[in-house]
Structures are given as C-alpha cells and as structure tokens.
C-alpha cells in the first residue's frame, strides 16, 4: 500500500496472491495473480504539474482526472511469473546468494525485474542481514491519452532482523530507489529514500511479515522534476509504503 502525497488523498494498493513450488533444493518457481485499487483526490502538488491548486494525479490516475474531483478504480491487473536460483545457502555459507527474475503483464503496466539476493546469518541465525540489488524495465500504459511511458529503475533494498523471542523477529528495512527514462537507464529522473520497521511471526505451517517504510526524502532531475515537491518524490510514490505478507505451507 502506498499512502499520502504532497496534499489531499492518494492510496495506491497492490494485492498479490502467489503460489510457489520448489523444483529442487536450489531452484524455485512461482506465479502471481495481481489486483489493484486506486483512490486519489486533490493529492498532487508541484511547481510544474499543479503550481497553486492541488490536482488529482499520480501513477494509475489518467490525465483526464487531473482537473479535480475524486478518482477511483480497482480490479484484476494481471499476472506475474517468478524464478529463484539459490547459488549458496546462508545457513551453511558466510553469504547466501540467489538470482531472481520476474516478468509481469498487467493493465496498468508491463515489467521485467531482475534481483541479486544476498543474506548473511549471525548469532546462531538469530540475526539476519539481507540486501537485494534490483533492476526493472517498465512499460506504463494506464493513461491511453498520453501513450506508452518507458521507464527503468534500480533499487537497493536492505534490512536487518533479530529473533528476540521464539517465533518472533523484528528489525528495520530501507529502500534506495532511482527512476530513469527509457528501458536502458538513459536519463536519471528520480531518487527517493525510504526506511522503517518490520516484524515477523512464524508458526509451524504459516508466517506473517509486516513492514512500514517512510519516505525520508527525494530529489528529481531532468524531465522528472514535475514529480517532486516539498523535498519528496510523488507519482507512484507516497510518503508511506506499508507491506503485509502472509504465507502458508501446503505440503
């Protein structure tokens, strides 16, 4: 869930249901069904897009809604596939390493995501440090009047978690996000920093993880300056990103 922009109301929510299957000890595949909901009203304020009066805008909101009033839309967005190859195990090696790929086909955008997964365990596995280096090519198509928008992004996701009681862990996580025009990172347009706490509970056959990341600051460059104001980045980003994941072991 992405929540709040410069002013007004902006809620951009993604709902993903996944089934995963391990083909071997080190190779896993998965498939997602993706849904979404958007609610925006008088939320966007920047010197270039809406200088004096907040407009209704942001990722998923078409330009026809920018004259004001509330915009709402929800439904099934599309599907994703996933493959993860574990090169080394963090329980038996100093650093666990994995490779991740995820193509997505959706009504709002298509994307192709690659990740390098890193994890190290300490203190008899009670302390876990993890980082993901992510690159993604995006083909945004939620606003037919403005045509296809081709973007790419590179993110560093990082975090630490400590098991403070049986079944319970807590820690923090952060996201250093960059956006670029074009599929090949032709022009750097945005940088945003997020950080916040997380908590995890694991039972015998199910688990739950909750996290909150707050945007502590952002900057825009070149053709992306219309998406910034008040020292933050807007468009698909809010002040707060809230994640809730629930997993259940089927066999």
C-alpha atoms as a PDB file:
ATOM      1  CA  UNK A   1       0.000   0.000   0.000  1.00  0.00           C
ATOM      2  CA  UNK A   2       1.335   3.402  -0.999  1.00  0.00           C
ATOM      3  CA  UNK A   3      -0.242   6.208   1.005  1.00  0.00           C
ATOM      4  CA  UNK A   4      -0.196  10.029   1.008  1.00  0.00           C
ATOM      5  CA  UNK A   5       1.381  12.530  -1.353  1.00  0.00           C
ATOM      6  CA  UNK A   6       2.040  16.263  -1.027  1.00  0.00           C
ATOM      7  CA  UNK A   7      -1.575  17.081  -0.138  1.00  0.00           C
ATOM      8  CA  UNK A   8      -5.021  15.517  -0.440  1.00  0.00           C
ATOM      9  CA  UNK A   9      -5.584  11.766  -0.677  1.00  0.00           C
ATOM     10  CA  UNK A  10      -3.643   9.152  -2.643  1.00  0.00           C
ATOM     11  CA  UNK A  11      -3.908   5.409  -1.968  1.00  0.00           C
ATOM     12  CA  UNK A  12      -2.267   3.065  -4.478  1.00  0.00           C
ATOM     13  CA  UNK A  13      -2.761  -0.520  -3.318  1.00  0.00           C
ATOM     14  CA  UNK A  14      -1.424  -3.729  -4.847  1.00  0.00           C
ATOM     15  CA  UNK A  15      -2.772  -7.167  -3.841  1.00  0.00           C
ATOM     16  CA  UNK A  16      -0.701 -10.169  -4.915  1.00  0.00           C
ATOM     17  CA  UNK A  17      -1.565 -13.845  -4.473  1.00  0.00           C
ATOM     18  CA  UNK A  18       1.295 -16.243  -5.175  1.00  0.00           C
ATOM     19  CA  UNK A  19       1.835 -19.976  -5.294  1.00  0.00           C
ATOM     20  CA  UNK A  20       5.455 -21.214  -5.130  1.00  0.00           C
ATOM     21  CA  UNK A  21       6.918 -24.623  -5.901  1.00  0.00           C
ATOM     22  CA  UNK A  22      10.432 -25.912  -5.357  1.00  0.00           C
ATOM     23  CA  UNK A  23      11.668 -27.886  -8.359  1.00  0.00           C
ATOM     24  CA  UNK A  24      14.842 -28.740  -6.407  1.00  0.00           C
ATOM     25  CA  UNK A  25      16.587 -27.695  -3.181  1.00  0.00           C
ATOM     26  CA  UNK A  26      18.072 -24.679  -5.018  1.00  0.00           C
ATOM     27  CA  UNK A  27      15.515 -23.751  -7.698  1.00  0.00           C
ATOM     28  CA  UNK A  28      12.024 -22.396  -7.095  1.00  0.00           C
ATOM     29  CA  UNK A  29       9.276 -21.126  -9.407  1.00  0.00           C
ATOM     30  CA  UNK A  30       6.133 -19.136  -8.665  1.00  0.00           C
ATOM     31  CA  UNK A  31       3.099 -17.484 -10.247  1.00  0.00           C
ATOM     32  CA  UNK A  32       1.154 -14.404  -9.114  1.00  0.00           C
ATOM     33  CA  UNK A  33      -2.364 -13.098  -9.667  1.00  0.00           C
ATOM     34  CA  UNK A  34      -2.216  -9.312  -9.251  1.00  0.00           C
ATOM     35  CA  UNK A  35      -5.056  -6.941  -8.315  1.00  0.00           C
ATOM     36  CA  UNK A  36      -5.100  -3.239  -7.506  1.00  0.00           C
ATOM     37  CA  UNK A  37      -7.110  -0.311  -6.186  1.00  0.00           C
ATOM     38  CA  UNK A  38      -6.516   3.428  -6.583  1.00  0.00           C
ATOM     39  CA  UNK A  39      -8.157   6.311  -4.787  1.00  0.00           C
ATOM     40  CA  UNK A  40      -6.936   9.857  -5.406  1.00  0.00           C
ATOM     41  CA  UNK A  41      -8.338  13.320  -4.815  1.00  0.00           C
ATOM     42  CA  UNK A  42      -6.603  16.709  -4.879  1.00  0.00           C
ATOM     43  CA  UNK A  43      -3.359  14.952  -3.997  1.00  0.00           C
ATOM     44  CA  UNK A  44      -0.631  16.210  -6.284  1.00  0.00           C
ATOM     45  CA  UNK A  45       1.197  19.497  -5.892  1.00  0.00           C
ATOM     46  CA  UNK A  46       4.330  20.506  -7.772  1.00  0.00           C
ATOM     47  CA  UNK A  47       5.536  23.685  -9.446  1.00  0.00           C
ATOM     48  CA  UNK A  48       5.219  22.187 -12.933  1.00  0.00           C
ATOM     49  CA  UNK A  49       2.127  19.947 -12.720  1.00  0.00           C
ATOM     50  CA  UNK A  50      -0.175  21.983 -10.471  1.00  0.00           C
ATOM     51  CA  UNK A  51       1.523  25.020  -9.062  1.00  0.00           C
ATOM     52  CA  UNK A  52      -1.159  26.674  -6.970  1.00  0.00           C
ATOM     53  CA  UNK A  53      -4.114  24.280  -6.815  1.00  0.00           C
ATOM     54  CA  UNK A  54      -3.628  20.564  -5.963  1.00  0.00           C
ATOM     55  CA  UNK A  55      -4.604  18.285  -8.844  1.00  0.00           C
ATOM     56  CA  UNK A  56      -5.719  14.659  -8.862  1.00  0.00           C
ATOM     57  CA  UNK A  57      -2.801  12.729 -10.378  1.00  0.00           C
ATOM     58  CA  UNK A  58      -0.132  10.083  -9.782  1.00  0.00           C
ATOM     59  CA  UNK A  59       0.602   6.568 -11.069  1.00  0.00           C
ATOM     60  CA  UNK A  60      -2.603   4.866 -12.215  1.00  0.00           C
ATOM     61  CA  UNK A  61      -4.559   8.140 -12.483  1.00  0.00           C
ATOM     62  CA  UNK A  62      -5.236   9.206 -16.100  1.00  0.00           C
ATOM     63  CA  UNK A  63      -4.748  12.794 -17.218  1.00  0.00           C
ATOM     64  CA  UNK A  64      -8.491  13.216 -17.663  1.00  0.00           C
ATOM     65  CA  UNK A  65      -8.836  13.140 -13.855  1.00  0.00           C
ATOM     66  CA  UNK A  66      -6.368  15.967 -13.254  1.00  0.00           C
ATOM     67  CA  UNK A  67      -8.979  18.735 -13.358  1.00  0.00           C
ATOM     68  CA  UNK A  68     -10.086  17.860  -9.822  1.00  0.00           C
ATOM     69  CA  UNK A  69     -12.548  15.621  -8.035  1.00  0.00           C
ATOM     70  CA  UNK A  70     -12.116  12.086  -6.755  1.00  0.00           C
ATOM     71  CA  UNK A  71     -10.755   9.243  -8.913  1.00  0.00           C
ATOM     72  CA  UNK A  72     -11.363   5.592  -8.008  1.00  0.00           C
ATOM     73  CA  UNK A  73     -10.516   2.404  -9.856  1.00  0.00           C
ATOM     74  CA  UNK A  74      -9.967  -1.215  -8.830  1.00  0.00           C
ATOM     75  CA  UNK A  75      -9.862  -4.697 -10.350  1.00  0.00           C
ATOM     76  CA  UNK A  76      -7.668  -7.534 -11.530  1.00  0.00           C
ATOM     77  CA  UNK A  77      -4.465  -6.108 -13.010  1.00  0.00           C
ATOM     78  CA  UNK A  78      -2.708  -9.148 -14.481  1.00  0.00           C
ATOM     79  CA  UNK A  79      -0.208 -11.873 -13.681  1.00  0.00           C
ATOM     80  CA  UNK A  80       3.483 -12.460 -12.952  1.00  0.00           C
ATOM     81  CA  UNK A  81       5.863 -15.394 -13.111  1.00  0.00           C
ATOM     82  CA  UNK A  82       8.888 -15.860 -10.830  1.00  0.00           C
ATOM     83  CA  UNK A  83      12.036 -17.974 -10.750  1.00  0.00           C
ATOM     84  CA  UNK A  84      14.681 -18.049  -7.974  1.00  0.00           C
ATOM     85  CA  UNK A  85      18.009 -19.871  -8.166  1.00  0.00           C
ATOM     86  CA  UNK A  86      19.875 -20.258  -4.849  1.00  0.00           C
ATOM     87  CA  UNK A  87      23.607 -20.268  -5.550  1.00  0.00           C
ATOM     88  CA  UNK A  88      24.686 -20.558  -1.899  1.00  0.00           C
ATOM     89  CA  UNK A  89      22.804 -21.194   1.353  1.00  0.00           C
ATOM     90  CA  UNK A  90      23.170 -18.541   4.139  1.00  0.00           C
ATOM     91  CA  UNK A  91      22.845 -21.277   6.796  1.00  0.00           C
ATOM     92  CA  UNK A  92      25.895 -23.184   5.518  1.00  0.00           C
ATOM     93  CA  UNK A  93      27.870 -20.363   3.788  1.00  0.00           C
ATOM     94  CA  UNK A  94      29.055 -16.955   5.046  1.00  0.00           C
ATOM     95  CA  UNK A  95      26.862 -15.257   2.422  1.00  0.00           C
ATOM     96  CA  UNK A  96      23.773 -16.685   0.806  1.00  0.00           C
ATOM     97  CA  UNK A  97      23.438 -15.656  -2.824  1.00  0.00           C
ATOM     98  CA  UNK A  98      20.451 -16.005  -5.143  1.00  0.00           C
ATOM     99  CA  UNK A  99      19.242 -14.788  -8.530  1.00  0.00           C
ATOM    100  CA  UNK A 100      15.630 -13.719  -9.148  1.00  0.00           C
ATOM    101  CA  UNK A 101      13.647 -12.900 -12.300  1.00  0.00           C
ATOM    102  CA  UNK A 102      10.013 -11.797 -12.537  1.00  0.00           C
ATOM    103  CA  UNK A 103       8.111 -10.796 -15.721  1.00  0.00           C
ATOM    104  CA  UNK A 104       4.707  -9.096 -15.220  1.00  0.00           C
ATOM    105  CA  UNK A 105       1.855  -8.465 -17.622  1.00  0.00           C
ATOM    106  CA  UNK A 106      -0.812  -6.001 -16.455  1.00  0.00           C
ATOM    107  CA  UNK A 107      -3.479  -3.490 -17.456  1.00  0.00           C
ATOM    108  CA  UNK A 108      -1.535  -0.626 -15.855  1.00  0.00           C
ATOM    109  CA  UNK A 109       1.996  -1.654 -16.831  1.00  0.00           C
ATOM    110  CA  UNK A 110       4.203  -4.496 -18.022  1.00  0.00           C
ATOM    111  CA  UNK A 111       7.585  -5.023 -16.366  1.00  0.00           C
ATOM    112  CA  UNK A 112      10.640  -7.255 -16.259  1.00  0.00           C
ATOM    113  CA  UNK A 113      12.501  -7.413 -12.918  1.00  0.00           C
ATOM    114  CA  UNK A 114      15.878  -8.919 -12.006  1.00  0.00           C
ATOM    115  CA  UNK A 115      17.340  -9.214  -8.485  1.00  0.00           C
ATOM    116  CA  UNK A 116      20.596 -10.233  -6.854  1.00  0.00           C
ATOM    117  CA  UNK A 117      19.679 -11.633  -3.419  1.00  0.00           C
ATOM    118  CA  UNK A 118      22.231 -11.528  -0.567  1.00  0.00           C
ATOM    119  CA  UNK A 119      21.835 -12.750   3.024  1.00  0.00           C
ATOM    120  CA  UNK A 120      24.151 -13.408   5.983  1.00  0.00           C
ATOM    121  CA  UNK A 121      23.155 -15.009   9.290  1.00  0.00           C
ATOM    122  CA  UNK A 122      24.820 -14.332  12.652  1.00  0.00           C
ATOM    123  CA  UNK A 123      24.437 -15.256  16.346  1.00  0.00           C
ATOM    124  CA  UNK A 124      23.264 -18.796  15.632  1.00  0.00           C
ATOM    125  CA  UNK A 125      20.846 -17.462  12.957  1.00  0.00           C
ATOM    126  CA  UNK A 126      19.119 -15.061  15.381  1.00  0.00           C
ATOM    127  CA  UNK A 127      20.420 -12.011  13.460  1.00  0.00           C
ATOM    128  CA  UNK A 128      19.830 -11.823   9.681  1.00  0.00           C
ATOM    129  CA  UNK A 129      21.247  -9.150   7.384  1.00  0.00           C
ATOM    130  CA  UNK A 130      19.874  -9.043   3.830  1.00  0.00           C
ATOM    131  CA  UNK A 131      20.135  -6.906   0.697  1.00  0.00           C
ATOM    132  CA  UNK A 132      18.537  -7.042  -2.753  1.00  0.00           C
ATOM    133  CA  UNK A 133      20.004  -5.221  -5.774  1.00  0.00           C
ATOM    134  CA  UNK A 134      17.114  -4.762  -8.204  1.00  0.00           C
ATOM    135  CA  UNK A 135      16.757  -3.510 -11.767  1.00  0.00           C
ATOM    136  CA  UNK A 136      13.441  -3.322 -13.605  1.00  0.00           C
ATOM    137  CA  UNK A 137      12.237  -2.221 -17.023  1.00  0.00           C
ATOM    138  CA  UNK A 138       8.682  -0.813 -17.032  1.00  0.00           C
ATOM    139  CA  UNK A 139       6.138  -0.152 -19.791  1.00  0.00           C
ATOM    140  CA  UNK A 140       3.436   2.062 -18.235  1.00  0.00           C
ATOM    141  CA  UNK A 141       0.117   2.134 -20.126  1.00  0.00           C
ATOM    142  CA  UNK A 142      -2.511   3.276 -17.586  1.00  0.00           C
ATOM    143  CA  UNK A 143      -3.211   6.551 -19.447  1.00  0.00           C
ATOM    144  CA  UNK A 144      -4.087   5.810 -23.111  1.00  0.00           C
ATOM    145  CA  UNK A 145      -4.334   9.524 -23.927  1.00  0.00           C
ATOM    146  CA  UNK A 146      -0.641  10.002 -23.132  1.00  0.00           C
ATOM    147  CA  UNK A 147       0.533   6.749 -24.755  1.00  0.00           C
ATOM    148  CA  UNK A 148       3.175   4.326 -23.541  1.00  0.00           C
ATOM    149  CA  UNK A 149       5.766   5.521 -20.975  1.00  0.00           C
ATOM    150  CA  UNK A 150       9.055   3.574 -20.977  1.00  0.00           C
ATOM    151  CA  UNK A 151      10.979   3.633 -17.680  1.00  0.00           C
ATOM    152  CA  UNK A 152      13.676   1.715 -15.851  1.00  0.00           C
ATOM    153  CA  UNK A 153      14.589   1.664 -12.183  1.00  0.00           C
ATOM    154  CA  UNK A 154      17.441   0.473  -9.994  1.00  0.00           C
ATOM    155  CA  UNK A 155      16.830  -0.084  -6.289  1.00  0.00           C
ATOM    156  CA  UNK A 156      18.837  -1.221  -3.296  1.00  0.00           C
ATOM    157  CA  UNK A 157      16.653  -2.927  -0.695  1.00  0.00           C
ATOM    158  CA  UNK A 158      18.348  -3.663   2.631  1.00  0.00           C
ATOM    159  CA  UNK A 159      17.417  -4.684   6.134  1.00  0.00           C
ATOM    160  CA  UNK A 160      18.222  -6.425   9.403  1.00  0.00           C
ATOM    161  CA  UNK A 161      16.057  -8.656  11.556  1.00  0.00           C
ATOM    162  CA  UNK A 162      16.691 -10.076  15.056  1.00  0.00           C
ATOM    163  CA  UNK A 163      14.799 -13.032  16.604  1.00  0.00           C
ATOM    164  CA  UNK A 164      14.036 -11.664  20.065  1.00  0.00           C
ATOM    165  CA  UNK A 165      11.650 -14.439  21.158  1.00  0.00           C
ATOM    166  CA  UNK A 166      10.630 -17.874  19.887  1.00  0.00           C
ATOM    167  CA  UNK A 167       8.764 -17.365  16.559  1.00  0.00           C
ATOM    168  CA  UNK A 168       9.142 -13.540  16.707  1.00  0.00           C
ATOM    169  CA  UNK A 169      11.634 -11.331  14.860  1.00  0.00           C
ATOM    170  CA  UNK A 170      11.813  -7.577  14.372  1.00  0.00           C
ATOM    171  CA  UNK A 171      14.134  -5.099  12.718  1.00  0.00           C
ATOM    172  CA  UNK A 172      14.267  -2.409  10.065  1.00  0.00           C
ATOM    173  CA  UNK A 173      14.420  -2.181   6.290  1.00  0.00           C
ATOM    174  CA  UNK A 174      15.184   0.516   3.751  1.00  0.00           C
ATOM    175  CA  UNK A 175      14.830   1.248   0.049  1.00  0.00           C
ATOM    176  CA  UNK A 176      17.120   3.447  -2.029  1.00  0.00           C
ATOM    177  CA  UNK A 177      15.106   3.962  -5.214  1.00  0.00           C
ATOM    178  CA  UNK A 178      16.103   5.500  -8.541  1.00  0.00           C
ATOM    179  CA  UNK A 179      13.966   6.027 -11.669  1.00  0.00           C
ATOM    180  CA  UNK A 180      15.204   6.579 -15.201  1.00  0.00           C
ATOM    181  CA  UNK A 181      13.691   7.430 -18.585  1.00  0.00           C
ATOM    182  CA  UNK A 182      13.888   4.640 -21.163  1.00  0.00           C
ATOM    183  CA  UNK A 183      14.461   0.915 -20.818  1.00  0.00           C
ATOM    184  CA  UNK A 184      18.263   1.345 -20.735  1.00  0.00           C
ATOM    185  CA  UNK A 185      18.568   3.938 -17.934  1.00  0.00           C
ATOM    186  CA  UNK A 186      19.005   6.739 -20.496  1.00  0.00           C
ATOM    187  CA  UNK A 187      18.280   9.642 -18.103  1.00  0.00           C
ATOM    188  CA  UNK A 188      18.186   9.654 -14.296  1.00  0.00           C
ATOM    189  CA  UNK A 189      14.919  11.310 -13.214  1.00  0.00           C
ATOM    190  CA  UNK A 190      14.335  10.483  -9.537  1.00  0.00           C
ATOM    191  CA  UNK A 191      15.948   9.324  -6.301  1.00  0.00           C
ATOM    192  CA  UNK A 192      13.969   8.544  -3.129  1.00  0.00           C
ATOM    193  CA  UNK A 193      14.913   7.101   0.257  1.00  0.00           C
ATOM    194  CA  UNK A 194      12.583   5.032   2.423  1.00  0.00           C
ATOM    195  CA  UNK A 195      13.209   3.428   5.820  1.00  0.00           C
ATOM    196  CA  UNK A 196      11.081   1.880   8.546  1.00  0.00           C
ATOM    197  CA  UNK A 197      10.481  -1.045  10.934  1.00  0.00           C
ATOM    198  CA  UNK A 198       9.419  -4.641  10.268  1.00  0.00           C
ATOM    199  CA  UNK A 199       8.093  -7.513  12.357  1.00  0.00           C
ATOM    200  CA  UNK A 200       7.822 -11.231  11.549  1.00  0.00           C
ATOM    201  CA  UNK A 201       5.936 -14.135  13.173  1.00  0.00           C
ATOM    202  CA  UNK A 202       6.463 -17.732  12.125  1.00  0.00           C
ATOM    203  CA  UNK A 203       4.302 -20.695  13.166  1.00  0.00           C
ATOM    204  CA  UNK A 204       4.774 -24.308  12.139  1.00  0.00           C
ATOM    205  CA  UNK A 205       2.899 -24.053   8.823  1.00  0.00           C
ATOM    206  CA  UNK A 206       2.352 -20.327   8.288  1.00  0.00           C
ATOM    207  CA  UNK A 207       4.077 -16.991   8.695  1.00  0.00           C
ATOM    208  CA  UNK A 208       3.303 -13.282   8.648  1.00  0.00           C
ATOM    209  CA  UNK A 209       5.522 -10.268   7.943  1.00  0.00           C
ATOM    210  CA  UNK A 210       4.522  -6.605   8.282  1.00  0.00           C
ATOM    211  CA  UNK A 211       6.658  -3.605   7.376  1.00  0.00           C
ATOM    212  CA  UNK A 212       6.311   0.145   7.065  1.00  0.00           C
ATOM    213  CA  UNK A 213       8.702   2.285   5.000  1.00  0.00           C
ATOM    214  CA  UNK A 214       8.532   6.097   5.276  1.00  0.00           C
ATOM    215  CA  UNK A 215       9.942   8.353   2.550  1.00  0.00           C
ATOM    216  CA  UNK A 216      12.548  10.473   4.326  1.00  0.00           C
ATOM    217  CA  UNK A 217      13.424  12.474   1.220  1.00  0.00           C
ATOM    218  CA  UNK A 218      13.703  12.525  -2.540  1.00  0.00           C
ATOM    219  CA  UNK A 219      15.002  14.505  -5.490  1.00  0.00           C
ATOM    220  CA  UNK A 220      14.058  14.825  -9.168  1.00  0.00           C
ATOM    221  CA  UNK A 221      16.245  15.610 -12.158  1.00  0.00           C
ATOM    222  CA  UNK A 222      15.882  16.477 -15.849  1.00  0.00           C
ATOM    223  CA  UNK A 223      12.487  15.556 -17.249  1.00  0.00           C
ATOM    224  CA  UNK A 224      11.313  14.129 -13.910  1.00  0.00           C
ATOM    225  CA  UNK A 225      11.178  17.397 -11.951  1.00  0.00           C
ATOM    226  CA  UNK A 226       7.384  17.625 -12.331  1.00  0.00           C
ATOM    227  CA  UNK A 227       7.040  14.659  -9.948  1.00  0.00           C
ATOM    228  CA  UNK A 228       8.776  16.355  -6.968  1.00  0.00           C
ATOM    229  CA  UNK A 229       7.832  18.930  -4.380  1.00  0.00           C
ATOM    230  CA  UNK A 230       8.482  19.601  -0.692  1.00  0.00           C
ATOM    231  CA  UNK A 231      11.678  17.516  -0.862  1.00  0.00           C
ATOM    232  CA  UNK A 232       9.820  14.295  -1.780  1.00  0.00           C
ATOM    233  CA  UNK A 233       9.061  12.243  -4.907  1.00  0.00           C
ATOM    234  CA  UNK A 234       5.396  11.608  -5.787  1.00  0.00           C
ATOM    235  CA  UNK A 235       3.919   9.931  -8.979  1.00  0.00           C
ATOM    236  CA  UNK A 236       3.847   6.244  -7.892  1.00  0.00           C
ATOM    237  CA  UNK A 237       5.461   7.048  -4.520  1.00  0.00           C
ATOM    238  CA  UNK A 238       3.778   8.230  -1.376  1.00  0.00           C
ATOM    239  CA  UNK A 239       5.102   9.328   1.964  1.00  0.00           C
ATOM    240  CA  UNK A 240       4.421   5.832   3.338  1.00  0.00           C
ATOM    241  CA  UNK A 241       4.649   2.292   1.947  1.00  0.00           C
ATOM    242  CA  UNK A 242       3.031  -0.473   4.026  1.00  0.00           C
ATOM    243  CA  UNK A 243       3.588  -4.160   3.273  1.00  0.00           C
ATOM    244  CA  UNK A 244       1.738  -7.170   4.733  1.00  0.00           C
ATOM    245  CA  UNK A 245       2.696 -10.689   3.620  1.00  0.00           C
ATOM    246  CA  UNK A 246       1.091 -13.955   4.762  1.00  0.00           C
ATOM    247  CA  UNK A 247       2.431 -17.381   3.753  1.00  0.00           C
ATOM    248  CA  UNK A 248       1.092 -20.918   4.254  1.00  0.00           C
ATOM    249  CA  UNK A 249       2.932 -24.199   3.669  1.00  0.00           C
ATOM    250  CA  UNK A 250       0.760 -26.556   1.573  1.00  0.00           C
ATOM    251  CA  UNK A 251       2.811 -29.759   1.955  1.00  0.00           C
END
